[in-house]
Amino acid sequence: MKSAPSSERWRLPDGVDELQPAAVRRVERLRHAFFELGERWGFAPVSPPLIESLDGLLTGTAEVLQRDTFQIVDQTDGRTLGVRADMTPQVARMDAQSVGGTVPNRLLYTGTVLRTRADGIGASRNPQQFGAELFGHPGTDSDIEVVRLMLETILLAGIPTRSLVLDLGHVGVYAGLVTAADFDDDTRAAVFDAMVRGSVPDARQAINADPVTDASAERARAALLALPTLRGAVDVLEPLRARCGGIHPRVDDALVRMERVSGALKATHPEVGVHIDLCELRGFRYHNGLLFAVHDNRGQQLARGGRYDAVGEAFGSARAATGFSGDLKRLSELSPESADNVVPRQLVGVAAADLEQAGAWNAVCTLRASGQAVVTLLPDADLPEGVTSRLVRNGADWTTLPIDGA
């Protein structure tokens, strides 16, 4: 077999990236800060495996994650395994297997996932996912808690509150209107496809091809076609209620929940802009309630989430669930360079040689224990970048002296 050119052998797969030291430091500091924040909120860290049985990995989410999941054969028993493309279903399984009843369970996690395709233009296929999930509570209060934690996580990166925009949606509005519209199966599928593509003319054409005489169904269809125009700031909830209220109980419940969430966020995060959008149908077959995503003022998505009740049903525990996730690498890249809590520190500061001399090793250990970084100066090697001083002997003691020109 002919060998590939050396340049090709070293080339990473498309969409797969690696991190150099400065980027690793940013990501790791952000990861530790995220864990500390989550634990102060009562969320416990978990660590699911990188690979699982494909059946278990896709249980309850096969339609959503099947195409995104790499498959491999386990050489020990011949089973088909999957490399996780999303950690959320794994965390749901862990909740279902460890907690029961109505006790809320708060879990958080970080870890690398691998996807067969990028989740958007310019996105990584091996993001370092971070997320938090709250299981066991079906009410709006748990949605509010999760959204607030998501916003506080973004603020860890030093991104100003005033530059954040939170998109709010709810699949119950679309689902309720479609149910009330009394479509046949083909029309329902065609309307969904058109709405996902943002093509109101195509949706109207599909609806007109499926006539109905019921006044309630006609009103639901008209409201459905009006959804793309009923988006914007929180004030749009009032015309949404006028246009869609009373058509279906799911619609009414969704509007109440969005009003509660937006009001709660105004009280705690007044500088965050809130944008209502009920045509965002991502994860429609996976989520069943509130949808949310936070962007910066350049339109970059920083994290997203939603409610996905009953996801653990396949594991024997159909618990209510809500949560969010994002990419730590992406978040650290978008953080301002001046953010004190994410700026990568140059860890190397002191060079030490001849550690076999009496007291040298203890001196190095003392410096490291005090928070300073000490690098061993290897024979015939240049000083590492960032070294500003050298450990030297001063009589019976050891001290650090600046290096000329440092």
Foldseek 3Di string as FASTA:
>chain_A
DDDDPPVVVPDDPPQADDDDPQLVLLLVLLVVVLQVLQVVVVAAEDDFDQKDQPCQLCVLPCVPCVQFWDWDADPVPRTIMTGAQDCVLVVLLVCLVPDADQDKHKYKYWAWGATPDAPDPPHHRTFTKIKMKIWRDADLVVVLVQVVSVLVSLCLLVADLLQKAKEKAWLLQVVLLLVLLPDDPVLSVQLLVCLQVPHLVSNVVSSVVGDDDDPLNVLSSVLNSCQVVQKFFPVSLVVNCVSRNPSGPSNVVQSVSVVVSVVVCCVVRVSHTYMYHHSNCVCVVFAHTMWMWMDGNVRHTAKIWHWGFQSCVVSPHRITMIMMMGGSSVSNVPRDCPNPSRNRDPQEEEEEEPCVPPPNVVVQVVCVVVPHHYDYDDPPDDDDPNYFWYWDDDDPHIDIDGDPPD
